[in-house]
PDB file of N, CA and C in Angstrom:
ATOM      1  N   MET A   1     100.038 157.387 129.657  1.00  0.00           N
ATOM      2  CA  MET A   1      99.777 155.831 129.504  1.00  0.00           C
ATOM      3  C   MET A   1      99.548 154.956 130.155  1.00  0.00           C
ATOM      4  N   LYS A   2      99.381 154.054 130.656  1.00  0.00           N
ATOM      5  CA  LYS A   2      99.218 153.289 131.881  1.00  0.00           C
ATOM      6  C   LYS A   2      99.158 152.008 131.245  1.00  0.00           C
ATOM      7  N   MET A   3      99.893 150.832 130.865  1.00  0.00           N
ATOM      8  CA  MET A   3      99.693 149.418 130.019  1.00  0.00           C
ATOM      9  C   MET A   3      99.021 148.425 131.199  1.00  0.00           C
ATOM     10  N   ASN A   4      98.223 147.423 131.117  1.00  0.00           N
ATOM     11  CA  ASN A   4      97.314 146.497 132.104  1.00  0.00           C
ATOM     12  C   ASN A   4      98.576 145.761 131.748  1.00  0.00           C
ATOM     13  N   PRO A   5      99.305 144.596 132.946  1.00  0.00           N
ATOM     14  CA  PRO A   5      99.547 143.423 132.541  1.00  0.00           C
ATOM     15  C   PRO A   5      98.846 142.894 132.457  1.00  0.00           C
ATOM     16  N   ARG A   6      97.930 142.177 133.343  1.00  0.00           N
ATOM     17  CA  ARG A   6      97.220 141.507 132.479  1.00  0.00           C
ATOM     18  C   ARG A   6      96.350 141.159 130.576  1.00  0.00           C
ATOM     19  N   LYS A   7      96.758 142.481 130.156  1.00  0.00           N
ATOM     20  CA  LYS A   7      95.573 142.648 128.752  1.00  0.00           C
ATOM     21  C   LYS A   7      96.385 140.991 127.395  1.00  0.00           C
ATOM     22  N   GLY A   8      96.265 140.464 127.586  1.00  0.00           N
ATOM     23  CA  GLY A   8      96.313 139.400 126.521  1.00  0.00           C
ATOM     24  C   GLY A   8      96.147 138.017 127.614  1.00  0.00           C
ATOM     25  N   GLN A   9      95.641 137.925 128.922  1.00  0.00           N
ATOM     26  CA  GLN A   9      96.026 136.842 129.592  1.00  0.00           C
ATOM     27  C   GLN A   9      94.661 135.935 129.064  1.00  0.00           C
ATOM     28  N   SER A  10      93.197 136.200 128.392  1.00  0.00           N
ATOM     29  CA  SER A  10      92.783 135.361 128.148  1.00  0.00           C
ATOM     30  C   SER A  10      92.849 134.225 127.163  1.00  0.00           C
ATOM     31  N   LEU A  11      93.604 135.130 125.913  1.00  0.00           N
ATOM     32  CA  LEU A  11      94.104 134.748 124.808  1.00  0.00           C
ATOM     33  C   LEU A  11      95.133 133.267 125.087  1.00  0.00           C
ATOM     34  N   VAL A  12      96.086 133.830 126.304  1.00  0.00           N
ATOM     35  CA  VAL A  12      97.174 132.699 126.320  1.00  0.00           C
ATOM     36  C   VAL A  12      96.303 131.534 126.806  1.00  0.00           C
ATOM     37  N   GLU A  13      96.201 131.763 127.381  1.00  0.00           N
ATOM     38  CA  GLU A  13      94.925 130.915 128.797  1.00  0.00           C
ATOM     39  C   GLU A  13      94.293 130.099 127.307  1.00  0.00           C
ATOM     40  N   THR A  14      93.209 130.367 126.666  1.00  0.00           N
ATOM     41  CA  THR A  14      92.544 129.764 125.418  1.00  0.00           C
ATOM     42  C   THR A  14      93.236 129.182 124.802  1.00  0.00           C
ATOM     43  N   THR A  15      94.709 129.319 124.178  1.00  0.00           N
ATOM     44  CA  THR A  15      95.903 128.920 123.551  1.00  0.00           C
ATOM     45  C   THR A  15      95.924 127.275 124.109  1.00  0.00           C
ATOM     46  N   PHE A  16      96.629 127.602 125.275  1.00  0.00           N
ATOM     47  CA  PHE A  16      96.870 126.355 126.193  1.00  0.00           C
ATOM     48  C   PHE A  16      95.332 125.055 126.886  1.00  0.00           C
ATOM     49  N   VAL A  17      94.238 125.741 126.528  1.00  0.00           N
ATOM     50  CA  VAL A  17      93.434 124.914 126.971  1.00  0.00           C
ATOM     51  C   VAL A  17      92.622 124.311 125.028  1.00  0.00           C
ATOM     52  N   LEU A  18      92.650 124.962 124.189  1.00  0.00           N
ATOM     53  CA  LEU A  18      92.982 124.498 123.032  1.00  0.00           C
ATOM     54  C   LEU A  18      93.619 122.949 122.764  1.00  0.00           C
ATOM     55  N   ALA A  19      95.222 124.084 122.798  1.00  0.00           N
ATOM     56  CA  ALA A  19      96.114 122.837 122.614  1.00  0.00           C
ATOM     57  C   ALA A  19      95.769 121.552 123.051  1.00  0.00           C
ATOM     58  N   ALA A  20      95.398 121.870 124.783  1.00  0.00           N
ATOM     59  CA  ALA A  20      95.109 120.557 125.016  1.00  0.00           C
ATOM     60  C   ALA A  20      93.701 119.732 124.617  1.00  0.00           C
ATOM     61  N   PHE A  21      92.494 120.219 124.374  1.00  0.00           N
ATOM     62  CA  PHE A  21      91.213 119.587 124.005  1.00  0.00           C
ATOM     63  C   PHE A  21      92.208 119.000 122.343  1.00  0.00           C
ATOM     64  N   MET A  22      92.511 119.578 121.583  1.00  0.00           N
ATOM     65  CA  MET A  22      92.871 118.566 121.074  1.00  0.00           C
ATOM     66  C   MET A  22      93.776 118.397 120.863  1.00  0.00           C
ATOM     67  N   ALA A  23      94.761 118.007 121.030  1.00  0.00           N
ATOM     68  CA  ALA A  23      95.667 116.581 121.617  1.00  0.00           C
ATOM     69  C   ALA A  23      94.849 115.700 122.160  1.00  0.00           C
ATOM     70  N   LEU A  24      94.000 115.935 123.037  1.00  0.00           N
ATOM     71  CA  LEU A  24      93.528 115.084 123.607  1.00  0.00           C
ATOM     72  C   LEU A  24      92.157 114.374 122.772  1.00  0.00           C
ATOM     73  N   LEU A  25      91.446 115.041 121.713  1.00  0.00           N
ATOM     74  CA  LEU A  25      91.046 114.815 120.487  1.00  0.00           C
ATOM     75  C   LEU A  25      91.606 114.264 119.706  1.00  0.00           C
ATOM     76  N   LEU A  26      92.515 114.552 119.136  1.00  0.00           N
ATOM     77  CA  LEU A  26      93.402 113.469 118.039  1.00  0.00           C
ATOM     78  C   LEU A  26      93.819 112.333 118.757  1.00  0.00           C
ATOM     79  N   GLY A  27      94.595 112.755 119.866  1.00  0.00           N
ATOM     80  CA  GLY A  27      94.693 111.344 120.568  1.00  0.00           C
ATOM     81  C   GLY A  27      93.362 109.754 120.233  1.00  0.00           C
ATOM     82  N   MET A  28      92.261 110.447 120.625  1.00  0.00           N
ATOM     83  CA  MET A  28      91.070 109.475 121.070  1.00  0.00           C
ATOM     84  C   MET A  28      91.002 108.990 119.304  1.00  0.00           C
ATOM     85  N   VAL A  29      91.135 109.589 118.770  1.00  0.00           N
ATOM     86  CA  VAL A  29      90.601 109.628 117.377  1.00  0.00           C
ATOM     87  C   VAL A  29      91.888 108.416 116.440  1.00  0.00           C
ATOM     88  N   GLY A  30      93.083 108.578 117.410  1.00  0.00           N
ATOM     89  CA  GLY A  30      94.175 107.701 116.645  1.00  0.00           C
ATOM     90  C   GLY A  30      93.801 105.948 117.844  1.00  0.00           C
ATOM     91  N   VAL A  31      93.785 106.005 118.980  1.00  0.00           N
ATOM     92  CA  VAL A  31      93.124 105.094 119.458  1.00  0.00           C
ATOM     93  C   VAL A  31      91.879 104.386 118.891  1.00  0.00           C
ATOM     94  N   GLY A  32      90.980 105.157 118.503  1.00  0.00           N
ATOM     95  CA  GLY A  32      90.184 104.375 117.726  1.00  0.00           C
ATOM     96  C   GLY A  32      90.237 104.001 116.057  1.00  0.00           C
ATOM     97  N   GLN A  33      91.486 104.241 115.399  1.00  0.00           N
ATOM     98  CA  GLN A  33      91.346 104.239 114.405  1.00  0.00           C
ATOM     99  C   GLN A  33      92.417 102.545 114.360  1.00  0.00           C
ATOM    100  N   THR A  34      93.168 103.083 115.882  1.00  0.00           N
ATOM    101  CA  THR A  34      93.660 101.768 115.919  1.00  0.00           C
ATOM    102  C   THR A  34      92.868 100.159 116.165  1.00  0.00           C
ATOM    103  N   LEU A  35      92.028 100.314 117.023  1.00  0.00           N
ATOM    104  CA  LEU A  35      90.976  99.333 117.547  1.00  0.00           C
ATOM    105  C   LEU A  35      90.192  99.235 116.809  1.00  0.00           C
ATOM    106  N   PHE A  36      90.001  99.923 115.678  1.00  0.00           N
ATOM    107  CA  PHE A  36      89.052  99.860 114.394  1.00  0.00           C
ATOM    108  C   PHE A  36      90.022  98.515 113.189  1.00  0.00           C
ATOM    109  N   VAL A  37      90.977  98.630 112.915  1.00  0.00           N
ATOM    110  CA  VAL A  37      91.862  98.109 112.594  1.00  0.00           C
ATOM    111  C   VAL A  37      92.056  96.635 112.704  1.00  0.00           C
ATOM    112  N   GLN A  38      92.159  96.746 114.576  1.00  0.00           N
ATOM    113  CA  GLN A  38      92.792  95.676 115.500  1.00  0.00           C
ATOM    114  C   GLN A  38      91.213  94.491 115.615  1.00  0.00           C
ATOM    115  N   GLN A  39      90.357  95.065 115.175  1.00  0.00           N
ATOM    116  CA  GLN A  39      89.111  94.497 115.760  1.00  0.00           C
ATOM    117  C   GLN A  39      88.826  93.704 113.677  1.00  0.00           C
ATOM    118  N   THR A  40      89.495  94.312 112.610  1.00  0.00           N
ATOM    119  CA  THR A  40      88.538  94.279 111.493  1.00  0.00           C
ATOM    120  C   THR A  40      89.603  93.290 110.884  1.00  0.00           C
ATOM    121  N   LEU A  41      90.989  93.268 111.382  1.00  0.00           N
ATOM    122  CA  LEU A  41      91.992  92.407 111.472  1.00  0.00           C
ATOM    123  C   LEU A  41      90.807  90.443 112.020  1.00  0.00           C
ATOM    124  N   ALA A  42      91.051  90.989 113.090  1.00  0.00           N
ATOM    125  CA  ALA A  42      90.533  89.206 113.960  1.00  0.00           C
ATOM    126  C   ALA A  42      89.526  88.989 113.346  1.00  0.00           C
ATOM    127  N   ASP A  43      88.094  89.629 112.807  1.00  0.00           N
ATOM    128  CA  ASP A  43      87.456  89.499 112.241  1.00  0.00           C
ATOM    129  C   ASP A  43      87.412  89.056 110.654  1.00  0.00           C
ATOM    130  N   ARG A  44      88.527  89.124 109.778  1.00  0.00           N
ATOM    131  CA  ARG A  44      88.814  88.561 109.043  1.00  0.00           C
ATOM    132  C   ARG A  44      89.422  87.413 108.987  1.00  0.00           C
ATOM    133  N   ALA A  45      90.476  87.247 109.542  1.00  0.00           N
ATOM    134  CA  ALA A  45      90.884  86.059 110.197  1.00  0.00           C
ATOM    135  C   ALA A  45      89.768  85.101 110.824  1.00  0.00           C
ATOM    136  N   GLN A  46      88.807  85.380 111.798  1.00  0.00           N
ATOM    137  CA  GLN A  46      87.750  84.355 111.905  1.00  0.00           C
ATOM    138  C   GLN A  46      87.534  84.026 110.666  1.00  0.00           C
ATOM    139  N   GLN A  47      86.805  84.886 109.562  1.00  0.00           N
ATOM    140  CA  GLN A  47      86.210  84.636 108.706  1.00  0.00           C
ATOM    141  C   GLN A  47      87.197  83.754 107.725  1.00  0.00           C
ATOM    142  N   ALA A  48      87.976  84.124 107.443  1.00  0.00           N
ATOM    143  CA  ALA A  48      89.129  82.200 106.831  1.00  0.00           C
ATOM    144  C   ALA A  48      89.425  81.494 107.684  1.00  0.00           C
ATOM    145  N   ALA A  49      89.743  81.852 108.683  1.00  0.00           N
ATOM    146  CA  ALA A  49      89.781  80.506 109.242  1.00  0.00           C
ATOM    147  C   ALA A  49      88.418  79.179 109.630  1.00  0.00           C
ATOM    148  N   ARG A  50      87.105  80.480 109.419  1.00  0.00           N
ATOM    149  CA  ARG A  50      85.849  79.160 109.217  1.00  0.00           C
ATOM    150  C   ARG A  50      85.724  79.177 108.061  1.00  0.00           C
ATOM    151  N   TRP A  51      86.160  79.394 106.570  1.00  0.00           N
ATOM    152  CA  TRP A  51      85.922  79.481 105.442  1.00  0.00           C
ATOM    153  C   TRP A  51      87.100  78.449 104.879  1.00  0.00           C
ATOM    154  N   GLY A  52      88.279  78.184 105.321  1.00  0.00           N
ATOM    155  CA  GLY A  52      88.813  76.600 105.594  1.00  0.00           C
ATOM    156  C   GLY A  52      88.199  75.536 106.469  1.00  0.00           C
ATOM    157  N   ALA A  53      87.764  76.037 107.546  1.00  0.00           N
ATOM    158  CA  ALA A  53      87.457  74.431 108.370  1.00  0.00           C
ATOM    159  C   ALA A  53      86.169  74.268 107.117  1.00  0.00           C
ATOM    160  N   VAL A  54      85.424  74.710 106.833  1.00  0.00           N
ATOM    161  CA  VAL A  54      84.002  74.433 105.997  1.00  0.00           C
ATOM    162  C   VAL A  54      84.046  73.883 104.550  1.00  0.00           C
ATOM    163  N   HIS A  55      85.132  74.794 104.416  1.00  0.00           N
ATOM    164  CA  HIS A  55      85.861  74.125 101.836  1.00  0.00           C
ATOM    165  C   HIS A  55      87.165  73.576 102.428  1.00  0.00           C
ATOM    166  N   THR A  56      87.459  73.380 101.198  1.00  0.00           N
ATOM    167  CA  THR A  56      88.802  72.188 100.995  1.00  0.00           C
ATOM    168  C   THR A  56      89.934  72.993 101.539  1.00  0.00           C
ATOM    169  N   PHE A  57      90.603  72.533 102.123  1.00  0.00           N
ATOM    170  CA  PHE A  57      91.877  73.219 102.713  1.00  0.00           C
ATOM    171  C   PHE A  57      92.647  74.132 101.846  1.00  0.00           C
ATOM    172  N   ASP A  58      92.967  75.358 101.158  1.00  0.00           N
ATOM    173  CA  ASP A  58      92.907  76.220 100.580  1.00  0.00           C
ATOM    174  C   ASP A  58      93.888  77.443 100.836  1.00  0.00           C
ATOM    175  N   PRO A  59      95.247  77.121 101.096  1.00  0.00           N
ATOM    176  CA  PRO A  59      95.988  78.463 101.883  1.00  0.00           C
ATOM    177  C   PRO A  59      95.567  79.151 100.591  1.00  0.00           C
ATOM    178  N   ALA A  60      96.089  79.263  99.946  1.00  0.00           N
ATOM    179  CA  ALA A  60      96.094  80.910  99.333  1.00  0.00           C
ATOM    180  C   ALA A  60      94.309  81.981  99.569  1.00  0.00           C
ATOM    181  N   ALA A  61      93.239  80.799  98.770  1.00  0.00           N
ATOM    182  CA  ALA A  61      92.290  81.165  99.069  1.00  0.00           C
ATOM    183  C   ALA A  61      91.855  81.318 100.612  1.00  0.00           C
ATOM    184  N   ILE A  62      92.342  80.791 101.614  1.00  0.00           N
ATOM    185  CA  ILE A  62      91.841  81.687 102.939  1.00  0.00           C
ATOM    186  C   ILE A  62      93.390  82.897 103.137  1.00  0.00           C
ATOM    187  N   ARG A  63      94.416  82.644 102.309  1.00  0.00           N
ATOM    188  CA  ARG A  63      95.199  84.220 102.569  1.00  0.00           C
ATOM    189  C   ARG A  63      94.054  85.553 101.967  1.00  0.00           C
ATOM    190  N   ASN A  64      93.853  84.817 100.741  1.00  0.00           N
ATOM    191  CA  ASN A  64      92.939  85.810  99.698  1.00  0.00           C
ATOM    192  C   ASN A  64      91.661  86.333 101.082  1.00  0.00           C
ATOM    193  N   ILE A  65      91.344  85.501 101.428  1.00  0.00           N
ATOM    194  CA  ILE A  65      90.182  86.094 102.485  1.00  0.00           C
ATOM    195  C   ILE A  65      90.823  86.953 103.572  1.00  0.00           C
ATOM    196  N   VAL A  66      91.390  86.791 103.700  1.00  0.00           N
ATOM    197  CA  VAL A  66      91.909  88.271 105.060  1.00  0.00           C
ATOM    198  C   VAL A  66      92.600  89.578 104.271  1.00  0.00           C
ATOM    199  N   LEU A  67      93.781  89.108 102.976  1.00  0.00           N
ATOM    200  CA  LEU A  67      93.439  90.390 102.761  1.00  0.00           C
ATOM    201  C   LEU A  67      92.552  90.924 101.944  1.00  0.00           C
ATOM    202  N   PHE A  68      91.928  90.332 101.120  1.00  0.00           N
ATOM    203  CA  PHE A  68      90.806  91.293  99.938  1.00  0.00           C
ATOM    204  C   PHE A  68      89.627  91.183 100.740  1.00  0.00           C
ATOM    205  N   GLY A  69      88.724  89.550 101.709  1.00  0.00           N
ATOM    206  CA  GLY A  69      87.876  89.635 102.021  1.00  0.00           C
ATOM    207  C   GLY A  69      86.923  88.562 100.837  1.00  0.00           C
ATOM    208  N   ALA A  70      87.705  87.998 100.169  1.00  0.00           N
ATOM    209  CA  ALA A  70      86.680  86.895  99.422  1.00  0.00           C
ATOM    210  C   ALA A  70      88.424  86.384  98.737  1.00  0.00           C
ATOM    211  N   ALA A  71      87.740  84.937  98.640  1.00  0.00           N
ATOM    212  CA  ALA A  71      88.578  83.782  98.164  1.00  0.00           C
ATOM    213  C   ALA A  71      89.120  83.910  97.067  1.00  0.00           C
ATOM    214  N   GLN A  72      88.727  85.414  95.847  1.00  0.00           N
ATOM    215  CA  GLN A  72      88.576  85.039  94.428  1.00  0.00           C
ATOM    216  C   GLN A  72      88.392  86.413  94.174  1.00  0.00           C
ATOM    217  N   PRO A  73      89.751  87.219  94.309  1.00  0.00           N
ATOM    218  CA  PRO A  73      89.587  88.824  94.979  1.00  0.00           C
ATOM    219  C   PRO A  73      89.242  88.968  93.327  1.00  0.00           C
ATOM    220  N   THR A  74      88.527  90.461  93.010  1.00  0.00           N
ATOM    221  CA  THR A  74      88.474  91.155  91.875  1.00  0.00           C
ATOM    222  C   THR A  74      90.177  91.879  91.350  1.00  0.00           C
ATOM    223  N   GLN A  75      90.261  91.960  90.665  1.00  0.00           N
ATOM    224  CA  GLN A  75      92.134  92.466  89.637  1.00  0.00           C
ATOM    225  C   GLN A  75      92.194  93.601  90.221  1.00  0.00           C
ATOM    226  N   ASN A  76      91.265  94.923  90.583  1.00  0.00           N
ATOM    227  CA  ASN A  76      92.603  96.022  91.067  1.00  0.00           C
ATOM    228  C   ASN A  76      91.939  95.960  92.675  1.00  0.00           C
ATOM    229  N   ALA A  77      91.463  94.469  93.779  1.00  0.00           N
ATOM    230  CA  ALA A  77      91.054  95.031  94.564  1.00  0.00           C
ATOM    231  C   ALA A  77      92.957  95.277  95.509  1.00  0.00           C
ATOM    232  N   ALA A  78      92.373  95.934  96.304  1.00  0.00           N
ATOM    233  CA  ALA A  78      93.927  96.294  97.097  1.00  0.00           C
ATOM    234  C   ALA A  78      93.596  95.597  98.579  1.00  0.00           C
ATOM    235  N   PRO A  79      95.190  95.384  99.524  1.00  0.00           N
ATOM    236  CA  PRO A  79      94.809  94.331 100.108  1.00  0.00           C
ATOM    237  C   PRO A  79      94.355  95.729 101.674  1.00  0.00           C
ATOM    238  N   LEU A  80      93.692  94.812 102.135  1.00  0.00           N
ATOM    239  CA  LEU A  80      93.324  95.884 104.018  1.00  0.00           C
ATOM    240  C   LEU A  80      94.217  95.873 104.512  1.00  0.00           C
ATOM    241  N   VAL A  81      94.591  97.651 105.376  1.00  0.00           N
ATOM    242  CA  VAL A  81      95.563  98.148 105.663  1.00  0.00           C
ATOM    243  C   VAL A  81      97.386  98.007 105.233  1.00  0.00           C
ATOM    244  N   GLY A  82      97.324  97.296 103.839  1.00  0.00           N
ATOM    245  CA  GLY A  82      98.474  97.916 103.332  1.00  0.00           C
ATOM    246  C   GLY A  82      99.280  95.959 103.656  1.00  0.00           C
ATOM    247  N   LEU A  83      98.264  95.454 104.170  1.00  0.00           N
ATOM    248  CA  LEU A  83      99.102  94.449 104.805  1.00  0.00           C
ATOM    249  C   LEU A  83      99.649  93.058 103.315  1.00  0.00           C
ATOM    250  N   SER A  84     100.930  92.240 103.550  1.00  0.00           N
ATOM    251  CA  SER A  84     101.535  91.909 102.256  1.00  0.00           C
ATOM    252  C   SER A  84     100.937  90.190 102.633  1.00  0.00           C
ATOM    253  N   PRO A  85     101.254  89.166 101.716  1.00  0.00           N
ATOM    254  CA  PRO A  85     100.736  88.105 101.941  1.00  0.00           C
ATOM    255  C   PRO A  85     101.711  87.454 102.493  1.00  0.00           C
ATOM    256  N   SER A  86     102.803  87.969 102.562  1.00  0.00           N
ATOM    257  CA  SER A  86     103.909  87.271 103.792  1.00  0.00           C
ATOM    258  C   SER A  86     103.716  87.386 105.056  1.00  0.00           C
ATOM    259  N   ALA A  87     102.649  88.272 105.210  1.00  0.00           N
ATOM    260  CA  ALA A  87     102.382  88.522 106.812  1.00  0.00           C
ATOM    261  C   ALA A  87     100.937  87.550 106.807  1.00  0.00           C
ATOM    262  N   VAL A  88     100.100  87.239 106.290  1.00  0.00           N
ATOM    263  CA  VAL A  88      99.262  85.883 106.641  1.00  0.00           C
ATOM    264  C   VAL A  88     100.231  84.390 106.515  1.00  0.00           C
ATOM    265  N   GLU A  89      99.417  84.171 108.334  1.00  0.00           N
ATOM    266  CA  GLU A  89     100.455  82.624 107.815  1.00  0.00           C
ATOM    267  C   GLU A  89      99.121  81.387 108.171  1.00  0.00           C
ATOM    268  N   VAL A  90      98.623  81.253 107.229  1.00  0.00           N
ATOM    269  CA  VAL A  90      97.880  79.684 107.346  1.00  0.00           C
ATOM    270  C   VAL A  90      98.083  78.366 107.281  1.00  0.00           C
ATOM    271  N   ALA A  91      97.987  77.589 108.617  1.00  0.00           N
ATOM    272  CA  ALA A  91      98.481  76.034 108.250  1.00  0.00           C
ATOM    273  C   ALA A  91      96.983  75.288 108.843  1.00  0.00           C
ATOM    274  N   GLY A  92      97.085  74.469 108.503  1.00  0.00           N
ATOM    275  CA  GLY A  92      96.151  72.724 108.934  1.00  0.00           C
ATOM    276  C   GLY A  92      96.969  72.260 109.716  1.00  0.00           C
ATOM    277  N   LEU A  93      96.188  72.163 111.539  1.00  0.00           N
ATOM    278  CA  LEU A  93      97.070  71.640 112.634  1.00  0.00           C
ATOM    279  C   LEU A  93      97.068  70.240 112.839  1.00  0.00           C
ATOM    280  N   GLU A  94      97.539  69.475 112.275  1.00  0.00           N
ATOM    281  CA  GLU A  94      97.051  67.754 112.897  1.00  0.00           C
ATOM    282  C   GLU A  94      96.254  67.624 112.327  1.00  0.00           C
ATOM    283  N   CYS A  95      96.232  67.315 109.860  1.00  0.00           N
ATOM    284  CA  CYS A  95      95.392  67.048 109.430  1.00  0.00           C
ATOM    285  C   CYS A  95      96.067  66.143 108.856  1.00  0.00           C
ATOM    286  N   PRO A  96      96.067  65.068 108.316  1.00  0.00           N
ATOM    287  CA  PRO A  96      94.561  64.892 108.751  1.00  0.00           C
ATOM    288  C   PRO A  96      94.568  63.984 110.165  1.00  0.00           C
ATOM    289  N   GLY A  97      93.024  63.838 110.543  1.00  0.00           N
ATOM    290  CA  GLY A  97      92.990  63.331 111.775  1.00  0.00           C
ATOM    291  C   GLY A  97      92.217  63.934 112.598  1.00  0.00           C
ATOM    292  N   PRO A  98      91.557  63.385 113.621  1.00  0.00           N
ATOM    293  CA  PRO A  98      90.504  64.000 114.625  1.00  0.00           C
ATOM    294  C   PRO A  98      90.682  65.181 115.028  1.00  0.00           C
ATOM    295  N   GLN A  99      92.317  65.863 115.373  1.00  0.00           N
ATOM    296  CA  GLN A  99      92.469  67.377 115.714  1.00  0.00           C
ATOM    297  C   GLN A  99      92.211  68.153 114.990  1.00  0.00           C
ATOM    298  N   CYS A 100      91.669  67.706 113.546  1.00  0.00           N
ATOM    299  CA  CYS A 100      92.085  68.816 112.603  1.00  0.00           C
ATOM    300  C   CYS A 100      91.516  70.279 112.378  1.00  0.00           C
ATOM    301  N   ARG A 101      92.675  71.166 112.706  1.00  0.00           N
ATOM    302  CA  ARG A 101      91.955  72.694 112.756  1.00  0.00           C
ATOM    303  C   ARG A 101      92.926  73.532 111.807  1.00  0.00           C
ATOM    304  N   VAL A 102      92.018  74.502 111.467  1.00  0.00           N
ATOM    305  CA  VAL A 102      92.750  75.396 110.203  1.00  0.00           C
ATOM    306  C   VAL A 102      92.753  76.816 111.082  1.00  0.00           C
ATOM    307  N   SER A 103      94.147  77.067 111.356  1.00  0.00           N
ATOM    308  CA  SER A 103      95.067  78.316 111.569  1.00  0.00           C
ATOM    309  C   SER A 103      95.211  79.619 111.538  1.00  0.00           C
ATOM    310  N   VAL A 104      95.172  80.530 111.151  1.00  0.00           N
ATOM    311  CA  VAL A 104      95.535  81.939 110.570  1.00  0.00           C
ATOM    312  C   VAL A 104      95.621  82.332 111.329  1.00  0.00           C
ATOM    313  N   ALA A 105      97.089  83.450 111.254  1.00  0.00           N
ATOM    314  CA  ALA A 105      97.735  84.225 111.964  1.00  0.00           C
ATOM    315  C   ALA A 105      98.031  85.373 111.051  1.00  0.00           C
ATOM    316  N   ILE A 106      98.168  86.537 111.995  1.00  0.00           N
ATOM    317  CA  ILE A 106      98.937  87.637 110.538  1.00  0.00           C
ATOM    318  C   ILE A 106      99.847  88.684 111.872  1.00  0.00           C
ATOM    319  N   ALA A 107     101.184  88.028 111.537  1.00  0.00           N
ATOM    320  CA  ALA A 107     102.205  88.520 112.016  1.00  0.00           C
ATOM    321  C   ALA A 107     101.879  89.709 112.034  1.00  0.00           C
ATOM    322  N   GLY A 108     102.794  90.236 113.132  1.00  0.00           N
ATOM    323  CA  GLY A 108     102.707  91.795 113.383  1.00  0.00           C
ATOM    324  C   GLY A 108     101.484  92.592 113.991  1.00  0.00           C
ATOM    325  N   HIS A 109     100.630  91.586 114.370  1.00  0.00           N
ATOM    326  CA  HIS A 109      99.434  92.845 114.600  1.00  0.00           C
ATOM    327  C   HIS A 109      99.035  91.953 116.242  1.00  0.00           C
ATOM    328  N   GLY A 110      99.004  90.949 116.730  1.00  0.00           N
ATOM    329  CA  GLY A 110      98.642  89.702 117.523  1.00  0.00           C
ATOM    330  C   GLY A 110      97.552  89.155 116.799  1.00  0.00           C
ATOM    331  N   VAL A 111      96.803  89.030 116.132  1.00  0.00           N
ATOM    332  CA  VAL A 111      96.122  87.905 115.392  1.00  0.00           C
ATOM    333  C   VAL A 111      96.297  86.756 115.012  1.00  0.00           C
ATOM    334  N   ARG A 112      94.881  86.064 115.628  1.00  0.00           N
ATOM    335  CA  ARG A 112      95.183  84.248 115.883  1.00  0.00           C
ATOM    336  C   ARG A 112      93.610  84.242 115.763  1.00  0.00           C
ATOM    337  N   SER A 113      93.550  83.192 114.886  1.00  0.00           N
ATOM    338  CA  SER A 113      92.385  82.219 115.171  1.00  0.00           C
ATOM    339  C   SER A 113      92.374  80.803 114.482  1.00  0.00           C
ATOM    340  N   VAL A 114      92.108  80.366 114.638  1.00  0.00           N
ATOM    341  CA  VAL A 114      91.719  78.319 115.244  1.00  0.00           C
ATOM    342  C   VAL A 114      90.421  77.941 114.884  1.00  0.00           C
ATOM    343  N   GLU A 115      90.251  77.315 113.591  1.00  0.00           N
ATOM    344  CA  GLU A 115      88.351  76.413 113.714  1.00  0.00           C
ATOM    345  C   GLU A 115      89.336  75.385 113.609  1.00  0.00           C
ATOM    346  N   PRO A 116      87.930  74.187 114.173  1.00  0.00           N
ATOM    347  CA  PRO A 116      88.366  73.192 114.278  1.00  0.00           C
ATOM    348  C   PRO A 116      87.164  72.264 113.186  1.00  0.00           C
ATOM    349  N   VAL A 117      87.769  71.435 112.016  1.00  0.00           N
ATOM    350  CA  VAL A 117      87.134  71.294 110.879  1.00  0.00           C
ATOM    351  C   VAL A 117      86.765  70.132 111.298  1.00  0.00           C
ATOM    352  N   GLU A 118      85.191  70.103 110.594  1.00  0.00           N
ATOM    353  CA  GLU A 118      84.428  68.742 110.772  1.00  0.00           C
ATOM    354  C   GLU A 118      85.045  67.572 109.035  1.00  0.00           C
ATOM    355  N   CYS A 119      85.778  66.430 109.891  1.00  0.00           N
ATOM    356  CA  CYS A 119      85.930  65.625 108.655  1.00  0.00           C
ATOM    357  C   CYS A 119      85.038  64.743 108.217  1.00  0.00           C
ATOM    358  N   ALA A 120      85.645  64.209 107.053  1.00  0.00           N
ATOM    359  CA  ALA A 120      84.497  63.357 106.721  1.00  0.00           C
ATOM    360  C   ALA A 120      84.987  62.421 106.890  1.00  0.00           C
ATOM    361  N   PRO A 121      83.815  61.081 106.980  1.00  0.00           N
ATOM    362  CA  PRO A 121      84.581  59.638 107.602  1.00  0.00           C
ATOM    363  C   PRO A 121      85.681  58.792 106.611  1.00  0.00           C
ATOM    364  N   THR A 122      85.941  59.484 105.702  1.00  0.00           N
ATOM    365  CA  THR A 122      87.246  59.265 105.087  1.00  0.00           C
ATOM    366  C   THR A 122      89.050  59.548 105.609  1.00  0.00           C
ATOM    367  N   GLY A 123      88.152  60.329 106.518  1.00  0.00           N
ATOM    368  CA  GLY A 123      89.437  61.048 107.631  1.00  0.00           C
ATOM    369  C   GLY A 123      90.387  61.995 106.378  1.00  0.00           C
ATOM    370  N   GLY A 124      90.295  62.997 106.964  1.00  0.00           N
ATOM    371  CA  GLY A 124      91.333  64.290 106.934  1.00  0.00           C
ATOM    372  C   GLY A 124      90.271  64.967 106.335  1.00  0.00           C
ATOM    373  N   VAL A 125      89.724  64.745 105.049  1.00  0.00           N
ATOM    374  CA  VAL A 125      89.620  65.841 104.412  1.00  0.00           C
ATOM    375  C   VAL A 125      87.847  66.359 104.517  1.00  0.00           C
ATOM    376  N   PRO A 126      87.858  67.442 104.882  1.00  0.00           N
ATOM    377  CA  PRO A 126      86.282  68.532 105.300  1.00  0.00           C
ATOM    378  C   PRO A 126      85.413  68.203 104.321  1.00  0.00           C
ATOM    379  N   ALA A 127      84.272  68.027 105.110  1.00  0.00           N
ATOM    380  CA  ALA A 127      83.241  67.748 104.745  1.00  0.00           C
ATOM    381  C   ALA A 127      82.829  68.386 103.631  1.00  0.00           C
ATOM    382  N   LYS A 128      81.744  68.148 102.541  1.00  0.00           N
ATOM    383  CA  LYS A 128      81.221  69.268 101.838  1.00  0.00           C
ATOM    384  C   LYS A 128      79.738  70.402 102.621  1.00  0.00           C
ATOM    385  N   PRO A 129      80.070  71.471 102.525  1.00  0.00           N
ATOM    386  CA  PRO A 129      78.588  71.926 102.880  1.00  0.00           C
ATOM    387  C   PRO A 129      77.556  71.664 102.500  1.00  0.00           C
TER     388      PRO A 129
END
């Protein structure tokens, strides 16, 4: 009986190609998830900064918008991607004054948003919408 030395070659080649394809596919999914989370965090920071610029400056409410998507979260709300309140930095820059701005930054994610505050003529207090 004669053995064919090429027997099983296609199975080995298929295994290598399939492993490379799966690694590429999983890498694309991982990069996609990372980009989605980064964009969601950037959007939440922008929404929170805008809310702080339009409403009366309230760091806790601004932080809640980043974490939960609402100034007053529901009781069983979970923070976005496991963020902690200490990861969200909220500041009112140069307030009161003509250069008053609300700044929201998410530590560890490289996200920051700054919105100018439209102040009332009385000085430093945001005008009501």
